[in-house]
N, C-alpha and C. Protein backbone atom coordinates (compact mmCIF):
# COMPACT_ATOMS: atom_id res chain seq x y z
N MET A 1 -14.46 54.21 36.29
CA MET A 1 -15.21 53.80 34.87
C MET A 1 -14.45 54.25 33.81
N ILE A 2 -14.36 53.36 32.53
CA ILE A 2 -13.63 53.60 31.58
C ILE A 2 -14.37 54.06 30.63
N TYR A 3 -14.02 55.40 29.97
CA TYR A 3 -15.00 56.33 28.91
C TYR A 3 -14.52 55.78 27.48
N THR A 4 -15.57 55.47 26.96
CA THR A 4 -15.11 55.03 25.49
C THR A 4 -15.86 56.18 24.77
N ASN A 5 -15.69 56.34 23.33
CA ASN A 5 -16.57 57.26 22.55
C ASN A 5 -17.95 56.94 22.68
N ALA A 6 -18.15 55.84 22.90
CA ALA A 6 -19.90 55.50 22.99
C ALA A 6 -20.29 56.14 24.30
N ASN A 7 -19.62 55.92 25.38
CA ASN A 7 -19.87 56.57 26.72
C ASN A 7 -20.24 58.17 26.43
N ILE A 8 -19.13 58.49 25.90
CA ILE A 8 -19.24 60.13 25.76
C ILE A 8 -20.23 60.38 24.76
N ALA A 9 -20.32 60.02 23.57
CA ALA A 9 -21.44 60.13 22.89
C ALA A 9 -22.72 60.27 23.57
N HIS A 10 -22.97 59.31 24.25
CA HIS A 10 -24.48 59.21 25.23
C HIS A 10 -24.35 60.34 26.20
N ALA A 11 -23.47 60.54 26.83
CA ALA A 11 -23.57 61.54 27.84
C ALA A 11 -23.82 62.90 27.45
N TYR A 12 -23.09 63.28 26.16
CA TYR A 12 -23.21 64.45 25.62
C TYR A 12 -23.97 64.45 24.32
N GLN A 13 -25.04 63.47 24.33
CA GLN A 13 -25.71 63.42 23.09
C GLN A 13 -25.20 64.06 21.78
N ILE A 14 -24.08 63.27 21.57
CA ILE A 14 -23.24 63.72 20.18
C ILE A 14 -23.73 62.63 19.33
N ASP A 15 -24.19 63.19 17.96
CA ASP A 15 -24.50 61.91 17.19
C ASP A 15 -23.34 61.66 16.52
N THR A 16 -23.11 60.17 16.51
CA THR A 16 -22.13 59.55 15.91
C THR A 16 -22.06 59.32 14.75
N GLU A 17 -23.03 59.31 13.66
CA GLU A 17 -23.40 59.44 12.64
C GLU A 17 -22.79 60.56 11.77
N MET A 18 -22.20 60.29 10.63
CA MET A 18 -21.68 61.45 9.86
C MET A 18 -22.42 62.23 9.14
N PRO A 19 -22.63 63.34 9.18
CA PRO A 19 -23.78 64.39 8.59
C PRO A 19 -22.84 64.49 7.33
N LYS A 20 -23.86 65.17 6.49
CA LYS A 20 -23.54 65.46 5.16
C LYS A 20 -22.57 66.65 5.23
N GLU A 21 -21.57 66.88 4.53
CA GLU A 21 -20.50 67.85 4.40
C GLU A 21 -21.08 68.99 3.64
N LEU A 22 -21.16 70.24 4.33
CA LEU A 22 -21.98 71.34 3.73
C LEU A 22 -20.79 72.46 3.07
N ASN A 23 -21.09 72.83 1.88
CA ASN A 23 -20.21 73.98 1.63
C ASN A 23 -20.89 75.31 1.77
N ARG A 24 -20.14 76.29 1.44
CA ARG A 24 -20.74 77.97 1.61
C ARG A 24 -22.23 77.89 0.81
N SER A 25 -22.41 77.52 -0.08
CA SER A 25 -23.65 77.84 -0.73
C SER A 25 -24.70 76.91 -0.16
N GLU A 26 -24.47 75.91 -0.19
CA GLU A 26 -25.44 75.08 0.60
C GLU A 26 -25.80 75.26 1.94
N LEU A 27 -24.97 76.01 2.74
CA LEU A 27 -25.10 76.60 4.26
C LEU A 27 -25.98 77.89 3.91
N LEU A 28 -25.50 78.82 2.91
CA LEU A 28 -26.35 79.95 2.40
C LEU A 28 -27.87 79.40 2.36
N GLU A 29 -28.09 78.30 1.54
CA GLU A 29 -29.51 77.90 1.05
C GLU A 29 -30.43 77.37 2.42
N ILE A 30 -29.24 76.79 3.32
CA ILE A 30 -30.26 76.32 4.59
C ILE A 30 -30.37 77.46 5.54
N ALA A 31 -29.47 78.32 5.62
CA ALA A 31 -29.84 79.61 6.27
C ALA A 31 -31.14 80.52 5.73
N ASN A 32 -30.88 80.65 4.52
CA ASN A 32 -32.44 81.31 4.21
C ASN A 32 -33.57 80.64 4.17
N SER A 33 -33.64 79.47 4.38
CA SER A 33 -34.62 78.51 4.59
C SER A 33 -35.40 78.56 5.88
N THR A 34 -34.33 79.45 6.74
CA THR A 34 -35.05 79.34 8.43
C THR A 34 -36.27 80.13 8.60
N PRO A 35 -37.37 79.58 8.97
CA PRO A 35 -38.35 80.45 9.34
C PRO A 35 -38.25 81.13 10.58
N SER A 36 -39.19 81.85 10.82
CA SER A 36 -39.25 82.46 12.40
C SER A 36 -39.74 81.49 13.36
N LYS A 37 -38.99 81.62 14.72
CA LYS A 37 -39.13 80.56 15.48
C LYS A 37 -40.15 81.21 16.60
N ALA A 38 -40.85 82.36 16.05
CA ALA A 38 -41.99 82.86 17.33
C ALA A 38 -42.66 81.61 17.70
N ASN A 39 -42.55 81.68 19.04
CA ASN A 39 -43.89 80.76 19.95
C ASN A 39 -43.50 79.38 19.56
N CYS A 40 -42.32 79.11 19.26
CA CYS A 40 -41.84 77.37 19.13
C CYS A 40 -41.43 77.07 20.89
N SER A 41 -42.40 76.05 20.95
CA SER A 41 -42.30 75.59 22.37
C SER A 41 -40.93 74.74 22.44
N LYS A 42 -40.53 74.32 21.69
CA LYS A 42 -39.06 73.44 21.68
C LYS A 42 -37.75 74.35 21.83
N CYS A 43 -37.82 75.46 21.14
CA CYS A 43 -36.37 76.28 21.04
C CYS A 43 -36.48 77.80 21.39
N GLU A 44 -37.41 78.22 21.90
CA GLU A 44 -38.19 79.65 22.13
C GLU A 44 -37.07 80.09 23.03
N SER A 45 -36.50 79.26 24.27
CA SER A 45 -35.77 79.67 25.11
C SER A 45 -34.13 80.08 24.63
N LEU A 46 -33.69 79.54 23.33
CA LEU A 46 -32.49 80.03 22.77
C LEU A 46 -32.32 81.30 22.01
N SER A 47 -31.92 82.11 22.65
CA SER A 47 -31.40 83.38 21.81
C SER A 47 -30.19 83.56 20.99
N CYS A 48 -29.36 82.94 21.23
CA CYS A 48 -27.96 82.69 20.82
C CYS A 48 -27.70 83.19 19.55
N VAL A 49 -27.94 84.53 19.58
CA VAL A 49 -27.55 85.27 18.15
C VAL A 49 -25.99 85.36 18.15
N GLY A 50 -25.20 85.17 18.89
CA GLY A 50 -24.03 85.17 19.20
C GLY A 50 -23.71 83.80 19.56
N TRP A 51 -22.43 83.07 19.71
CA TRP A 51 -22.21 81.79 20.36
C TRP A 51 -22.58 82.01 21.84
N GLU A 52 -23.11 80.88 22.54
CA GLU A 52 -23.37 80.83 23.74
C GLU A 52 -23.54 79.26 24.24
N THR A 53 -23.44 78.87 25.35
CA THR A 53 -23.39 77.70 26.17
C THR A 53 -24.63 77.21 26.08
N VAL A 54 -25.23 75.99 25.66
CA VAL A 54 -26.26 75.56 25.74
C VAL A 54 -26.77 75.38 26.92
N PRO A 55 -28.18 76.02 27.38
CA PRO A 55 -28.71 76.12 28.83
C PRO A 55 -28.66 74.33 29.17
N GLY A 56 -28.33 74.39 30.52
CA GLY A 56 -28.48 72.94 30.92
C GLY A 56 -30.01 72.38 30.84
N SER A 57 -31.06 73.42 30.98
CA SER A 57 -32.40 73.09 31.12
C SER A 57 -32.95 72.73 29.56
N PHE A 58 -31.98 72.94 28.60
CA PHE A 58 -32.65 72.81 26.95
C PHE A 58 -32.62 71.24 26.76
N ASP A 59 -33.52 70.90 26.09
CA ASP A 59 -33.60 69.61 25.53
C ASP A 59 -33.02 69.39 24.08
N LEU A 60 -31.71 68.85 24.05
CA LEU A 60 -31.00 68.96 22.87
C LEU A 60 -31.67 67.94 21.81
N ASN A 61 -32.59 67.07 22.49
CA ASN A 61 -33.16 66.24 21.45
C ASN A 61 -34.27 66.68 20.57
N CYS A 62 -34.61 68.20 20.71
CA CYS A 62 -35.47 68.84 19.83
C CYS A 62 -35.07 69.23 18.75
N LEU A 63 -33.36 69.18 18.57
CA LEU A 63 -32.72 69.54 17.34
C LEU A 63 -32.32 68.11 16.64
N LYS A 64 -32.35 68.43 15.21
CA LYS A 64 -31.87 67.16 14.44
C LYS A 64 -30.70 67.64 13.71
N PRO A 65 -29.49 66.60 13.47
CA PRO A 65 -28.59 67.17 12.55
C PRO A 65 -28.81 67.11 11.19
N ILE A 66 -28.53 68.47 10.31
CA ILE A 66 -28.71 68.33 8.97
C ILE A 66 -27.54 68.40 8.05
N GLY A 67 -26.24 68.63 8.57
CA GLY A 67 -25.11 68.69 7.88
C GLY A 67 -23.79 68.98 8.93
N THR A 68 -22.75 69.31 8.29
CA THR A 68 -21.58 69.57 8.99
C THR A 68 -20.81 70.44 8.30
N LEU A 69 -20.08 71.29 8.85
CA LEU A 69 -18.76 72.25 8.47
C LEU A 69 -17.61 71.61 8.31
N ARG A 70 -17.28 70.72 9.39
CA ARG A 70 -16.18 69.91 9.45
C ARG A 70 -16.04 69.08 8.12
N ILE A 71 -14.70 69.04 7.64
CA ILE A 71 -14.26 68.47 6.47
C ILE A 71 -13.38 67.38 7.05
N GLU A 72 -13.75 66.05 6.67
CA GLU A 72 -13.22 64.86 7.21
C GLU A 72 -11.75 64.65 6.41
N GLY A 73 -10.68 64.68 7.42
CA GLY A 73 -9.57 64.56 6.90
C GLY A 73 -8.89 65.97 6.67
N ALA A 74 -9.31 67.09 7.02
CA ALA A 74 -8.57 68.08 6.81
C ALA A 74 -8.00 68.67 7.93
N PRO A 75 -6.59 69.47 7.44
CA PRO A 75 -5.87 69.64 8.82
C PRO A 75 -6.70 70.45 9.77
N GLU A 76 -6.00 70.49 11.10
CA GLU A 76 -6.72 71.47 12.09
C GLU A 76 -6.44 72.65 11.94
N PHE A 77 -7.30 73.49 11.93
CA PHE A 77 -7.18 75.13 11.82
C PHE A 77 -7.80 75.75 12.96
N TRP A 78 -7.10 76.63 13.87
CA TRP A 78 -7.40 77.09 15.02
C TRP A 78 -7.73 78.48 14.85
N GLU A 79 -7.40 79.03 13.82
CA GLU A 79 -7.40 80.86 13.75
C GLU A 79 -8.96 81.12 13.65
N GLU A 80 -9.32 82.19 14.23
CA GLU A 80 -10.63 82.88 13.97
C GLU A 80 -10.75 83.98 12.89
N ASP A 81 -11.90 84.40 12.62
CA ASP A 81 -12.08 85.60 11.94
C ASP A 81 -12.73 86.54 12.54
N HIS A 82 -12.09 87.62 12.88
CA HIS A 82 -12.84 88.75 13.64
C HIS A 82 -12.34 90.12 13.05
N PRO A 83 -12.92 90.53 11.92
CA PRO A 83 -12.70 92.01 11.67
C PRO A 83 -13.56 92.76 12.39
N GLU A 84 -13.13 94.04 12.17
CA GLU A 84 -14.02 95.40 12.86
C GLU A 84 -14.10 94.90 14.52
N GLY A 85 -12.88 94.49 15.07
CA GLY A 85 -13.03 94.19 16.45
C GLY A 85 -14.17 93.11 17.12
N THR A 86 -14.62 92.23 16.53
CA THR A 86 -15.69 91.22 17.08
C THR A 86 -14.70 90.14 17.59
N ASN A 87 -15.38 89.51 18.54
CA ASN A 87 -14.50 88.11 19.20
C ASN A 87 -15.79 87.09 18.98
N LEU A 88 -15.21 85.95 19.64
CA LEU A 88 -15.98 84.74 19.46
C LEU A 88 -17.65 84.68 19.86
N TRP A 89 -17.76 85.75 20.92
CA TRP A 89 -19.24 86.06 21.45
C TRP A 89 -20.07 86.97 20.81
N SER A 90 -19.34 87.60 19.93
CA SER A 90 -20.05 88.85 19.30
C SER A 90 -21.16 88.45 18.45
N GLU A 91 -22.36 89.18 18.57
CA GLU A 91 -23.39 88.84 17.94
C GLU A 91 -23.19 89.07 16.37
N ASN A 92 -22.47 90.06 15.94
CA ASN A 92 -22.11 90.29 14.63
C ASN A 92 -21.08 89.74 14.11
N ALA A 93 -20.19 88.90 14.95
CA ALA A 93 -19.13 88.14 14.35
C ALA A 93 -19.46 87.40 12.85
N PRO A 94 -18.87 87.52 11.96
CA PRO A 94 -19.12 86.75 10.67
C PRO A 94 -18.94 85.21 11.31
N ILE A 95 -19.85 84.41 10.39
CA ILE A 95 -19.94 82.68 10.19
C ILE A 95 -19.01 82.53 9.09
N SER A 96 -17.74 82.42 9.46
CA SER A 96 -16.62 82.34 8.39
C SER A 96 -16.36 80.53 8.26
N ILE A 97 -16.78 80.03 7.33
CA ILE A 97 -17.02 78.57 7.67
C ILE A 97 -15.50 77.73 7.52
N GLN A 98 -14.67 78.63 7.02
CA GLN A 98 -13.32 78.13 6.92
C GLN A 98 -12.40 78.30 8.38
N PHE A 99 -12.92 79.18 9.03
CA PHE A 99 -12.37 79.51 10.42
C PHE A 99 -12.76 78.70 11.60
N HIS A 100 -12.00 78.84 12.58
CA HIS A 100 -12.62 78.30 13.73
C HIS A 100 -13.37 79.28 14.73
N PRO A 101 -14.57 78.93 15.41
CA PRO A 101 -15.11 77.45 15.61
C PRO A 101 -15.80 76.90 14.52
N TYR A 102 -16.14 77.36 13.30
CA TYR A 102 -17.17 76.93 12.54
C TYR A 102 -16.70 75.81 11.59
N ASN A 103 -15.58 75.62 11.42
CA ASN A 103 -14.91 74.53 10.68
C ASN A 103 -14.85 73.27 11.43
N ARG A 104 -15.59 73.49 13.00
CA ARG A 104 -15.53 72.17 13.97
C ARG A 104 -17.22 72.24 14.19
N SER A 105 -18.00 72.92 13.33
CA SER A 105 -19.26 72.93 13.68
C SER A 105 -20.39 71.96 12.91
N ASP A 106 -21.44 71.52 13.34
CA ASP A 106 -22.54 70.72 12.96
C ASP A 106 -23.83 71.91 12.67
N VAL A 107 -24.53 71.72 11.83
CA VAL A 107 -25.81 72.59 11.51
C VAL A 107 -26.94 71.44 12.05
N TYR A 108 -27.62 72.05 13.10
CA TYR A 108 -28.71 71.40 13.34
C TYR A 108 -30.00 72.34 12.98
N GLU A 109 -31.38 71.54 13.16
CA GLU A 109 -32.64 72.38 12.91
C GLU A 109 -33.51 71.55 13.94
N CYS A 110 -34.40 72.82 14.02
CA CYS A 110 -35.29 72.28 15.27
C CYS A 110 -36.55 71.53 14.67
N LYS A 111 -36.74 70.41 15.08
CA LYS A 111 -37.94 69.50 14.73
C LYS A 111 -39.23 70.04 14.80
N GLU A 112 -39.29 70.98 15.71
CA GLU A 112 -40.98 71.60 15.38
C GLU A 112 -40.89 72.72 14.77
N CYS A 113 -40.07 73.97 14.53
CA CYS A 113 -40.37 74.96 13.82
C CYS A 113 -39.39 75.08 12.47
N GLY A 114 -38.25 74.21 12.63
CA GLY A 114 -37.54 74.50 11.38
C GLY A 114 -36.06 75.47 11.44
N SER A 115 -36.21 76.41 12.73
CA SER A 115 -35.05 77.06 12.99
C SER A 115 -33.74 76.44 13.03
N LYS A 116 -32.75 77.12 12.43
CA LYS A 116 -31.16 76.24 12.12
C LYS A 116 -30.41 77.01 12.97
N TYR A 117 -29.38 76.08 13.53
CA TYR A 117 -28.47 76.50 14.52
C TYR A 117 -27.13 75.72 14.02
N LEU A 118 -26.07 76.24 14.61
CA LEU A 118 -24.87 75.97 14.41
C LEU A 118 -24.49 75.28 15.84
N ARG A 119 -23.86 74.03 16.14
CA ARG A 119 -23.44 73.57 17.26
C ARG A 119 -22.03 73.27 17.24
N TYR A 120 -21.20 73.56 17.96
CA TYR A 120 -19.85 72.75 18.44
C TYR A 120 -19.61 72.46 19.82
N THR A 121 -18.66 71.50 20.10
CA THR A 121 -18.19 71.45 21.55
C THR A 121 -16.69 71.70 21.73
N GLU A 122 -16.82 72.54 22.86
CA GLU A 122 -15.48 73.05 23.20
C GLU A 122 -14.83 72.10 24.40
N TYR A 123 -13.90 71.40 24.16
CA TYR A 123 -13.23 70.31 24.88
C TYR A 123 -12.27 70.96 25.61
N GLY A 124 -12.18 71.42 26.86
CA GLY A 124 -11.11 72.18 27.63
C GLY A 124 -10.44 71.00 28.46
N GLY A 125 -9.39 71.42 29.28
CA GLY A 125 -8.53 70.50 30.15
C GLY A 125 -9.58 69.78 31.06
N TYR A 126 -10.22 70.52 31.46
CA TYR A 126 -11.08 69.96 32.46
C TYR A 126 -12.58 70.16 32.34
N TYR A 127 -13.18 70.41 31.35
CA TYR A 127 -14.51 70.68 30.84
C TYR A 127 -14.97 70.47 29.44
N VAL A 128 -16.24 70.36 29.39
CA VAL A 128 -16.77 69.77 27.97
C VAL A 128 -17.64 71.19 28.12
N ASP A 129 -17.74 71.83 26.96
CA ASP A 129 -18.87 73.12 26.68
C ASP A 129 -19.55 72.93 25.50
N GLU A 130 -20.68 72.55 25.48
CA GLU A 130 -21.81 72.55 24.23
C GLU A 130 -22.41 73.97 24.15
N ARG A 131 -21.78 74.45 22.72
CA ARG A 131 -22.22 75.73 22.25
C ARG A 131 -23.20 75.60 21.20
N ILE A 132 -23.87 76.82 21.20
CA ILE A 132 -24.76 76.64 19.91
C ILE A 132 -25.09 78.13 19.47
N ARG A 133 -25.48 78.65 17.99
CA ARG A 133 -25.28 79.95 17.70
C ARG A 133 -26.52 79.83 16.57
N ALA A 134 -27.46 80.77 16.68
CA ALA A 134 -28.50 80.70 15.48
C ALA A 134 -27.99 81.03 14.12
N LEU A 135 -28.18 80.29 12.89
CA LEU A 135 -27.80 80.56 11.59
C LEU A 135 -28.13 81.67 11.12
N ASP A 136 -27.59 82.69 10.80
CA ASP A 136 -28.08 83.97 10.32
C ASP A 136 -27.31 84.08 8.99
N PRO A 137 -28.16 83.96 7.77
CA PRO A 137 -27.56 83.92 6.57
C PRO A 137 -26.92 85.28 6.25
N LYS A 138 -27.10 86.46 7.06
CA LYS A 138 -26.40 87.86 6.53
C LYS A 138 -25.14 87.94 7.10
N LEU A 139 -24.64 87.13 8.02
CA LEU A 139 -23.40 86.90 8.40
C LEU A 139 -22.45 85.89 8.19
N ILE A 140 -23.01 84.97 7.10
CA ILE A 140 -21.96 84.17 6.52
C ILE A 140 -21.16 84.90 5.32
N SER A 141 -19.85 84.36 5.83
CA SER A 141 -18.91 85.29 4.69
C SER A 141 -18.10 84.30 3.99
């Protein structure tokens, strides 16, 4: 089988339409508008206070894209921001939008409850890992 961008987008439910580029103040506004997801039948299975792999049983169609932190045409930047000994998976790692993986992330909203999430896809040599993190306004730096 020959893989095209359309095949890959369909297989991994990647939205090929370019969402609105968001700056820090817009991201803060979105994050502060996030309601409690208590008892949401669509996204309650996600805890993701830090980055985690999207569970295989989770229906990604319950999330809709609302913006992106990727800047079209920006040079690739792979440095991460980890003050105070945090790492990529830390619950208290800052959401530093100019650093990786946030600079390659999109912002999504649960269609049912309005909870906001960051998503990015890690493309390894032999794998694709869809990752997700809840958008916490207290961690945006």
